[in-house]
């Protein structure tokens, strides 16, 4: 990497930890306040329980929309300055959220938080793609995501702990503090990964060409759409988890533990993927996981229809489904980036927008259909699995489990 204010380049382990920390800014933004949703609803007068899900959904909408901006900016000005500015913005938005006195103000703050945190996803992927490609990129992202998935495991417990010492507003101050830590880490240790000679002028012609390439390449578009649907399954679970565990199964005191158990399965999936992907390949692992998700969803629906659903059957099926989803995420992302690595910033923006906004739509449709049972979630996962399989078959020309030989732009 070119030299700048950092005294020495990050070693691989620090680099992976840094990428995970960037991803964790967004994950904490979603998961840390889950135990506080009921308190927020009571204090801010949210009468309908399902409306509390908008605290998550609005954030994700901002997260998706913001990604369209940061890629072109990062390709023009470099990764580092864009990241520093947006992390500072996230700190400010978190403080705004902590001081909100109405539900509308909180939603506005959450939208702003999402807009600022969007850079963490775009730039994490772009910085990794600047240095790696193909299976190596998938392995690096898998290791980072393995660390990242510890956040959903710990975040609700951390949120519950914060609530023990003060009101729900403490959670947003904690978000501001963590973002400030990552901002300081970036300022001191992150070196610019995009040399000046490889930067693209910020013009409508260049941006249009990059958009055109990203959206017309079948692999880039198709796997971004597939990733959006699997990510939608995560949003659906996160949005409705508090209602399912607390209201349906009466597990209020154990909510954080049960939520963590389901999230832990995704961490295990990422760990396994990081160990196996270079040997087995992104296609074999992710496509087998899609078929597994379909089979699990069908079996889960049979259990529900037979009247045998319980907390423990739900936990087993949810954990296994999250495992399948975890085996799709980083692999779909790596395959989407393979043909567009030379415009990694802008391509990551477009793909991130598709993934995030598509996930919000899918997750909201499933989450808002919650009816006091686990049926909508199981049906949603079945629909996701079938739709993703159809997209993958289109992308791969009707073939599964076969490596495709396409031109891959080298990492910079």
Protein backbone atom coordinates (compact mmCIF):
# COMPACT_ATOMS: atom_id res chain seq x y z
CA UNK A 1 0.00 0.00 0.00
CA UNK A 2 1.18 3.54 -0.58
CA UNK A 3 2.56 5.37 2.39
CA UNK A 4 0.56 7.93 4.32
CA UNK A 5 0.01 8.86 7.93
CA UNK A 6 0.22 5.27 9.22
CA UNK A 7 3.75 4.41 10.32
CA UNK A 8 3.68 0.78 9.17
CA UNK A 9 1.24 -1.47 7.29
CA UNK A 10 -1.13 -3.69 9.23
CA UNK A 11 -0.12 -7.31 9.64
CA UNK A 12 -2.64 -9.81 8.33
CA UNK A 13 -4.19 -10.57 11.72
CA UNK A 14 -4.60 -6.89 12.53
CA UNK A 15 -6.02 -6.26 9.07
CA UNK A 16 -8.65 -8.98 9.49
CA UNK A 17 -9.52 -7.66 12.97
CA UNK A 18 -9.82 -4.14 11.55
CA UNK A 19 -12.17 -5.27 8.76
CA UNK A 20 -14.24 -7.13 11.36
CA UNK A 21 -14.39 -3.98 13.51
CA UNK A 22 -15.65 -1.98 10.52
CA UNK A 23 -18.37 -4.58 9.94
CA UNK A 24 -19.15 -4.55 13.65
CA UNK A 25 -20.07 -0.85 13.57
CA UNK A 26 -23.05 -1.77 11.43
CA UNK A 27 -23.84 -4.98 13.31
CA UNK A 28 -23.89 -3.17 16.65
CA UNK A 29 -26.08 -0.50 15.08
CA UNK A 30 -28.66 -3.22 14.42
CA UNK A 31 -28.34 -5.64 17.33
CA UNK A 32 -27.27 -3.67 20.39
CA UNK A 33 -30.69 -2.12 20.98
CA UNK A 34 -32.78 -5.27 20.53
CA UNK A 35 -33.33 -5.75 24.29
CA UNK A 36 -34.41 -2.09 24.51
CA UNK A 37 -37.12 -2.17 21.84
CA UNK A 38 -39.91 -2.67 24.37
CA UNK A 39 -38.59 0.17 26.58
CA UNK A 40 -38.23 2.47 23.57
CA UNK A 41 -41.77 1.64 22.46
CA UNK A 42 -43.17 2.35 25.91
CA UNK A 43 -41.34 5.64 26.44
CA UNK A 44 -41.93 7.00 22.94
CA UNK A 45 -45.54 5.86 22.71
CA UNK A 46 -45.28 3.18 19.98
CA UNK A 47 -48.69 1.55 20.29
CA UNK A 48 -48.31 -1.31 17.77
CA UNK A 49 -45.63 -3.88 18.57
CA UNK A 50 -44.76 -4.56 14.92
CA UNK A 51 -44.03 -0.83 14.46
CA UNK A 52 -41.01 -1.20 16.73
CA UNK A 53 -39.40 -3.13 13.87
CA UNK A 54 -39.06 0.19 12.00
CA UNK A 55 -36.23 1.12 14.37
CA UNK A 56 -34.29 -1.66 12.62
CA UNK A 57 -35.81 -1.28 9.15
CA UNK A 58 -35.23 2.49 8.78
CA UNK A 59 -31.61 2.03 9.77
CA UNK A 60 -31.19 -0.62 7.07
CA UNK A 61 -32.84 1.62 4.47
CA UNK A 62 -30.28 4.32 5.21
CA UNK A 63 -27.53 1.73 5.18
CA UNK A 64 -28.59 0.58 1.72
CA UNK A 65 -29.10 4.01 0.16
CA UNK A 66 -25.83 5.44 1.47
CA UNK A 67 -23.78 2.81 -0.27
CA UNK A 68 -24.55 4.31 -3.68
CA UNK A 69 -22.55 7.40 -2.73
CA UNK A 70 -19.45 6.11 -1.03
CA UNK A 71 -18.10 3.84 -3.75
CA UNK A 72 -17.59 6.57 -6.38
CA UNK A 73 -16.20 8.89 -3.68
CA UNK A 74 -13.77 6.20 -2.52
CA UNK A 75 -12.68 5.48 -6.11
CA UNK A 76 -11.98 9.19 -6.58
CA UNK A 77 -10.54 10.34 -3.24
CA UNK A 78 -9.33 7.06 -1.75
CA UNK A 79 -10.70 4.75 0.91
CA UNK A 80 -9.24 6.40 4.01
CA UNK A 81 -10.65 9.98 3.91
CA UNK A 82 -14.17 8.78 3.12
CA UNK A 83 -14.07 6.31 5.97
CA UNK A 84 -12.80 8.85 8.49
CA UNK A 85 -15.51 11.37 7.58
CA UNK A 86 -18.37 8.89 7.78
CA UNK A 87 -17.24 7.33 11.05
CA UNK A 88 -17.26 10.81 12.55
CA UNK A 89 -20.78 11.26 11.15
CA UNK A 90 -21.89 8.00 12.76
CA UNK A 91 -20.66 9.24 16.14
CA UNK A 92 -22.76 12.39 15.72
CA UNK A 93 -25.84 10.46 14.57
CA UNK A 94 -25.60 8.15 17.59
CA UNK A 95 -25.55 11.11 19.95
CA UNK A 96 -28.57 12.52 18.09
CA UNK A 97 -30.40 9.20 18.57
CA UNK A 98 -29.58 9.19 22.29
CA UNK A 99 -31.19 12.62 22.71
CA UNK A 100 -34.36 11.89 20.66
CA UNK A 101 -37.61 12.75 22.41
CA UNK A 102 -40.09 11.42 19.84
CA UNK A 103 -40.41 8.31 17.71
CA UNK A 104 -40.10 10.41 14.54
CA UNK A 105 -36.86 11.99 15.78
CA UNK A 106 -35.45 8.58 16.67
CA UNK A 107 -36.29 7.25 13.21
CA UNK A 108 -34.57 10.26 11.66
CA UNK A 109 -31.48 9.62 13.76
CA UNK A 110 -31.56 5.94 12.83
CA UNK A 111 -31.79 6.83 9.14
CA UNK A 112 -28.74 9.07 9.54
CA UNK A 113 -26.89 6.34 11.40
CA UNK A 114 -27.59 3.95 8.55
CA UNK A 115 -26.43 6.48 5.95
CA UNK A 116 -23.14 6.96 7.80
CA UNK A 117 -22.50 3.28 8.55
CA UNK A 118 -23.02 2.41 4.87
CA UNK A 119 -19.41 3.37 4.24
CA UNK A 120 -18.18 0.59 6.54
CA UNK A 121 -19.63 -2.10 4.30
CA UNK A 122 -18.49 -0.50 1.02
CA UNK A 123 -14.99 0.28 2.21
CA UNK A 124 -14.44 -2.99 4.05
CA UNK A 125 -15.17 -4.91 0.84
CA UNK A 126 -13.21 -2.45 -1.32
CA UNK A 127 -10.12 -2.51 0.90
CA UNK A 128 -10.15 -6.33 0.94
CA UNK A 129 -10.67 -6.45 -2.84
CA UNK A 130 -7.78 -4.02 -3.32
CA UNK A 131 -5.52 -6.75 -1.98
CA UNK A 132 -7.23 -10.10 -2.67
CA UNK A 133 -9.44 -11.75 -5.30
CA UNK A 134 -11.55 -14.88 -5.75
CA UNK A 135 -11.20 -17.60 -3.12
CA UNK A 136 -8.57 -15.63 -1.18
CA UNK A 137 -11.01 -12.75 -0.90
CA UNK A 138 -13.76 -15.12 0.24
CA UNK A 139 -11.41 -16.61 2.84
CA UNK A 140 -10.39 -13.18 4.18
CA UNK A 141 -14.01 -12.02 4.37
CA UNK A 142 -15.01 -15.28 6.05
CA UNK A 143 -12.40 -14.87 8.78
CA UNK A 144 -13.49 -11.24 9.30
CA UNK A 145 -17.14 -12.27 9.36
CA UNK A 146 -16.38 -15.02 11.87
CA UNK A 147 -15.17 -12.31 14.25
CA UNK A 148 -18.01 -10.05 13.12
CA UNK A 149 -20.62 -12.68 13.98
CA UNK A 150 -19.50 -12.57 17.59
CA UNK A 151 -21.25 -9.19 17.65
CA UNK A 152 -24.80 -10.58 17.31
CA UNK A 153 -23.89 -13.11 19.98
CA UNK A 154 -22.65 -10.50 22.43
CA UNK A 155 -24.62 -7.40 21.41
CA UNK A 156 -28.01 -8.20 22.99
CA UNK A 157 -26.25 -9.23 26.21
CA UNK A 158 -24.22 -6.02 26.15
CA UNK A 159 -27.40 -4.07 25.48
CA UNK A 160 -29.12 -5.80 28.38
CA UNK A 161 -26.14 -4.94 30.58
CA UNK A 162 -26.32 -1.29 29.58
CA UNK A 163 -30.01 -1.25 30.45
CA UNK A 164 -29.14 -2.48 33.93
CA UNK A 165 -27.17 0.72 34.51
CA UNK A 166 -29.39 3.24 32.82
CA UNK A 167 -32.10 3.96 30.21
CA UNK A 168 -32.11 2.82 26.61
CA UNK A 169 -30.30 6.03 25.61
CA UNK A 170 -27.09 4.57 27.08
CA UNK A 171 -27.08 2.11 24.19
CA UNK A 172 -26.70 4.89 21.63
CA UNK A 173 -23.94 6.52 23.65
CA UNK A 174 -22.17 3.15 23.62
CA UNK A 175 -22.53 3.05 19.82
CA UNK A 176 -20.96 6.48 19.62
CA UNK A 177 -18.07 5.30 21.79
CA UNK A 178 -17.36 2.21 19.71
CA UNK A 179 -17.48 4.17 16.45
CA UNK A 180 -15.07 6.72 17.97
CA UNK A 181 -12.68 3.85 18.79
CA UNK A 182 -12.78 2.54 15.21
CA UNK A 183 -12.33 6.09 13.94
CA UNK A 184 -9.18 6.47 16.04
CA UNK A 185 -7.89 3.06 14.85
CA UNK A 186 -8.48 4.08 11.23
CA UNK A 187 -6.75 7.43 11.69
CA UNK A 188 -3.67 5.89 13.26
CA UNK A 189 -3.25 2.54 11.49
CA UNK A 190 -5.12 2.43 8.18
CA UNK A 191 -2.98 3.06 5.14
CA UNK A 192 -4.55 4.06 1.85
CA UNK A 193 -5.07 0.96 -0.34
CA UNK A 194 -5.92 2.80 -3.57
CA UNK A 195 -2.88 4.49 -5.17
CA UNK A 196 -3.45 7.92 -6.69
CA UNK A 197 -2.68 6.67 -10.19
CA UNK A 198 -5.52 4.14 -9.99
CA UNK A 199 -8.19 6.59 -8.89
CA UNK A 200 -11.11 7.40 -11.17
CA UNK A 201 -12.20 10.97 -11.94
CA UNK A 202 -15.54 11.81 -10.38
CA UNK A 203 -17.57 12.29 -13.54
CA UNK A 204 -20.96 11.15 -14.73
CA UNK A 205 -19.35 9.31 -17.64
CA UNK A 206 -17.01 7.27 -15.42
CA UNK A 207 -19.68 6.58 -12.83
CA UNK A 208 -22.15 5.61 -15.55
CA UNK A 209 -19.64 3.23 -17.13
CA UNK A 210 -18.95 1.59 -13.76
CA UNK A 211 -22.67 1.28 -13.04
CA UNK A 212 -23.28 -0.17 -16.47
CA UNK A 213 -20.55 -2.78 -16.07
CA UNK A 214 -21.67 -3.80 -12.59
CA UNK A 215 -25.35 -4.04 -13.51
CA UNK A 216 -24.94 -5.78 -16.86
CA UNK A 217 -22.48 -8.45 -15.77
CA UNK A 218 -24.56 -11.53 -14.98
CA UNK A 219 -22.29 -12.71 -12.16
CA UNK A 220 -22.03 -9.29 -10.53
CA UNK A 221 -25.76 -8.59 -10.63
CA UNK A 222 -27.00 -12.11 -10.03
CA UNK A 223 -24.93 -12.89 -6.97
CA UNK A 224 -25.66 -9.45 -5.49
CA UNK A 225 -29.39 -10.20 -5.82
CA UNK A 226 -28.87 -13.67 -4.31
CA UNK A 227 -26.96 -12.11 -1.41
CA UNK A 228 -29.79 -9.61 -0.86
CA UNK A 229 -32.33 -12.37 -0.38
CA UNK A 230 -30.22 -14.40 2.04
CA UNK A 231 -29.41 -11.22 3.98
CA UNK A 232 -33.15 -10.57 4.07
CA UNK A 233 -33.50 -13.78 6.04
CA UNK A 234 -31.16 -12.35 8.69
CA UNK A 235 -33.14 -9.10 8.89
CA UNK A 236 -36.40 -11.03 9.21
CA UNK A 237 -34.98 -13.02 12.13
CA UNK A 238 -33.46 -9.99 13.86
CA UNK A 239 -36.64 -7.93 13.44
CA UNK A 240 -38.96 -10.58 14.85
CA UNK A 241 -36.64 -12.37 17.30
CA UNK A 242 -37.72 -10.38 20.34
CA UNK A 243 -41.40 -11.04 19.60
CA UNK A 244 -40.89 -14.75 18.89
CA UNK A 245 -38.77 -15.51 21.94
CA UNK A 246 -40.56 -13.23 24.39
CA UNK A 247 -44.18 -13.17 23.25
CA UNK A 248 -44.60 -16.60 21.66
CA UNK A 249 -42.32 -18.72 23.83
CA UNK A 250 -42.28 -16.59 27.01
CA UNK A 251 -38.49 -16.54 27.22
CA UNK A 252 -38.03 -12.88 28.20
CA UNK A 253 -35.27 -13.58 30.74
CA UNK A 254 -33.41 -15.88 28.36
CA UNK A 255 -33.91 -13.85 25.19
CA UNK A 256 -30.30 -12.71 24.86
CA UNK A 257 -28.96 -16.24 25.42
CA UNK A 258 -31.32 -17.82 22.88
CA UNK A 259 -30.65 -15.09 20.33
CA UNK A 260 -26.92 -15.61 20.82
CA UNK A 261 -27.23 -19.34 20.24
CA UNK A 262 -28.84 -18.77 16.84
CA UNK A 263 -26.29 -16.13 15.89
CA UNK A 264 -23.43 -18.39 17.02
CA UNK A 265 -24.35 -20.83 14.26
CA UNK A 266 -23.54 -18.16 11.66
CA UNK A 267 -20.15 -17.62 13.26
CA UNK A 268 -19.46 -21.34 13.06
CA UNK A 269 -20.51 -21.32 9.40
CA UNK A 270 -18.09 -18.49 8.61
CA UNK A 271 -15.28 -20.27 10.43
CA UNK A 272 -15.94 -23.47 8.48
CA UNK A 273 -16.13 -21.51 5.23
CA UNK A 274 -12.78 -19.83 5.89
CA UNK A 275 -11.19 -23.26 6.29
CA UNK A 276 -12.86 -24.97 3.34
CA UNK A 277 -13.47 -22.36 0.64
CA UNK A 278 -10.02 -22.41 -0.97
CA UNK A 279 -10.21 -26.19 -1.27
CA UNK A 280 -13.88 -26.72 -2.15
CA UNK A 281 -14.66 -23.42 -3.86
CA UNK A 282 -17.28 -20.74 -3.38
CA UNK A 283 -19.84 -22.37 -5.67
CA UNK A 284 -19.93 -25.83 -4.13
CA UNK A 285 -20.30 -24.46 -0.59
CA UNK A 286 -22.85 -21.72 -1.26
CA UNK A 287 -25.03 -23.68 -3.67
CA UNK A 288 -25.17 -26.68 -1.36
CA UNK A 289 -26.17 -24.30 1.44
CA UNK A 290 -29.08 -22.96 -0.64
CA UNK A 291 -30.37 -26.49 -1.22
CA UNK A 292 -29.98 -27.14 2.51
CA UNK A 293 -32.03 -24.05 3.36
CA UNK A 294 -34.88 -25.24 1.14
CA UNK A 295 -34.88 -28.72 2.68
CA UNK A 296 -34.77 -27.35 6.24
CA UNK A 297 -37.63 -24.93 5.57
CA UNK A 298 -39.86 -27.66 4.16
CA UNK A 299 -39.16 -29.89 7.15
CA UNK A 300 -39.78 -27.01 9.57
CA UNK A 301 -43.15 -26.27 7.98
CA UNK A 302 -44.11 -29.94 8.35
CA UNK A 303 -43.23 -29.80 12.06
CA UNK A 304 -45.31 -26.64 12.52
CA UNK A 305 -48.27 -28.09 10.59
CA UNK A 306 -48.20 -31.25 12.72
CA UNK A 307 -48.45 -29.19 15.92
CA UNK A 308 -45.05 -30.29 17.19
CA UNK A 309 -43.40 -26.86 17.15
CA UNK A 310 -41.74 -25.88 20.43
CA UNK A 311 -38.97 -23.58 21.56
CA UNK A 312 -36.43 -26.30 20.99
CA UNK A 313 -37.61 -27.33 17.51
CA UNK A 314 -37.61 -23.66 16.55
CA UNK A 315 -34.10 -23.20 17.93
CA UNK A 316 -32.76 -26.20 15.99
CA UNK A 317 -34.31 -25.17 12.68
CA UNK A 318 -33.39 -21.51 13.13
CA UNK A 319 -29.76 -22.31 13.96
CA UNK A 320 -29.42 -24.68 11.01
CA UNK A 321 -31.07 -22.17 8.67
CA UNK A 322 -28.71 -19.45 9.87
CA UNK A 323 -25.81 -21.81 9.21
CA UNK A 324 -26.93 -22.18 5.60
CA UNK A 325 -27.33 -18.42 5.27
CA UNK A 326 -23.87 -17.91 6.78
CA UNK A 327 -22.35 -20.20 4.15
CA UNK A 328 -23.89 -18.07 1.39
CA UNK A 329 -22.99 -14.52 2.43
CA UNK A 330 -19.23 -14.09 1.95
CA UNK A 331 -19.18 -16.52 -1.00
CA UNK A 332 -21.92 -14.70 -2.90
CA UNK A 333 -20.13 -11.42 -2.18
CA UNK A 334 -16.79 -12.71 -3.45
CA UNK A 335 -18.34 -14.15 -6.62
CA UNK A 336 -20.19 -10.90 -7.29
CA UNK A 337 -16.91 -8.95 -7.04
CA UNK A 338 -14.81 -11.29 -9.20
CA UNK A 339 -15.46 -9.63 -12.59
CA UNK A 340 -15.47 -6.02 -11.32
CA UNK A 341 -12.43 -5.80 -9.06
CA UNK A 342 -10.90 -2.96 -11.08
CA UNK A 343 -13.80 -0.72 -9.98
CA UNK A 344 -14.06 -2.23 -6.49
CA UNK A 345 -15.31 0.92 -4.75
CA UNK A 346 -18.17 1.74 -7.12
CA UNK A 347 -19.02 -1.92 -7.69
CA UNK A 348 -19.15 -2.52 -3.94
CA UNK A 349 -21.48 0.48 -3.64
CA UNK A 350 -23.91 -0.79 -6.24
CA UNK A 351 -23.83 -4.37 -5.03
CA UNK A 352 -24.15 -3.21 -1.44
CA UNK A 353 -27.17 -1.08 -2.34
CA UNK A 354 -28.82 -4.01 -4.09
CA UNK A 355 -28.00 -6.33 -1.20
CA UNK A 356 -29.10 -3.98 1.58
CA UNK A 357 -32.28 -2.54 0.04
CA UNK A 358 -33.32 -5.92 -1.31
CA UNK A 359 -32.71 -7.42 2.12
CA UNK A 360 -34.82 -4.71 3.79
CA UNK A 361 -37.70 -5.43 1.41
CA UNK A 362 -37.47 -9.19 1.89
CA UNK A 363 -36.88 -8.97 5.64
CA UNK A 364 -39.69 -6.44 6.17
CA UNK A 365 -42.21 -8.49 4.22
CA UNK A 366 -41.42 -11.50 6.38
CA UNK A 367 -41.07 -9.59 9.66
CA UNK A 368 -44.25 -7.56 9.26
CA UNK A 369 -46.21 -10.75 8.55
CA UNK A 370 -45.46 -12.02 12.08
CA UNK A 371 -48.73 -13.35 13.47
CA UNK A 372 -47.70 -14.79 16.81
CA UNK A 373 -46.32 -18.01 15.32
CA UNK A 374 -43.10 -19.12 13.61
CA UNK A 375 -44.94 -19.99 10.38
CA UNK A 376 -44.24 -16.70 8.53
CA UNK A 377 -40.50 -17.01 9.18
CA UNK A 378 -40.38 -20.63 8.00
CA UNK A 379 -42.41 -19.78 4.89
CA UNK A 380 -40.15 -16.79 4.29
CA UNK A 381 -37.02 -18.93 4.44
CA UNK A 382 -38.54 -21.39 1.99
CA UNK A 383 -39.35 -18.55 -0.40
CA UNK A 384 -35.83 -17.15 -0.04
CA UNK A 385 -34.27 -20.54 -0.75
CA UNK A 386 -36.35 -21.18 -3.87
CA UNK A 387 -35.81 -17.64 -5.22
CA UNK A 388 -32.05 -17.77 -4.60
CA UNK A 389 -31.82 -21.15 -6.32
CA UNK A 390 -33.61 -19.72 -9.36
CA UNK A 391 -31.19 -16.77 -9.51
CA UNK A 392 -28.15 -19.03 -9.15
CA UNK A 393 -29.38 -21.30 -11.95
CA UNK A 394 -29.81 -18.23 -14.18
CA UNK A 395 -26.34 -16.95 -13.36
CA UNK A 396 -24.67 -20.33 -13.84
CA UNK A 397 -26.52 -21.24 -17.03
CA UNK A 398 -28.54 -23.99 -15.37
CA UNK A 399 -25.52 -25.77 -13.84
CA UNK A 400 -24.62 -26.20 -10.18
CA UNK A 401 -21.37 -27.08 -8.40
CA UNK A 402 -19.17 -26.26 -11.39
CA UNK A 403 -16.40 -23.67 -11.33
CA UNK A 404 -16.79 -21.07 -14.05
CA UNK A 405 -13.76 -19.77 -15.89
CA UNK A 406 -14.16 -16.04 -16.31
CA UNK A 407 -11.75 -13.19 -16.49
CA UNK A 408 -10.95 -11.95 -13.00
CA UNK A 409 -9.36 -8.55 -12.54
CA UNK A 410 -6.27 -8.84 -10.33
CA UNK A 411 -6.21 -7.29 -6.87
CA UNK A 412 -4.36 -4.05 -6.78
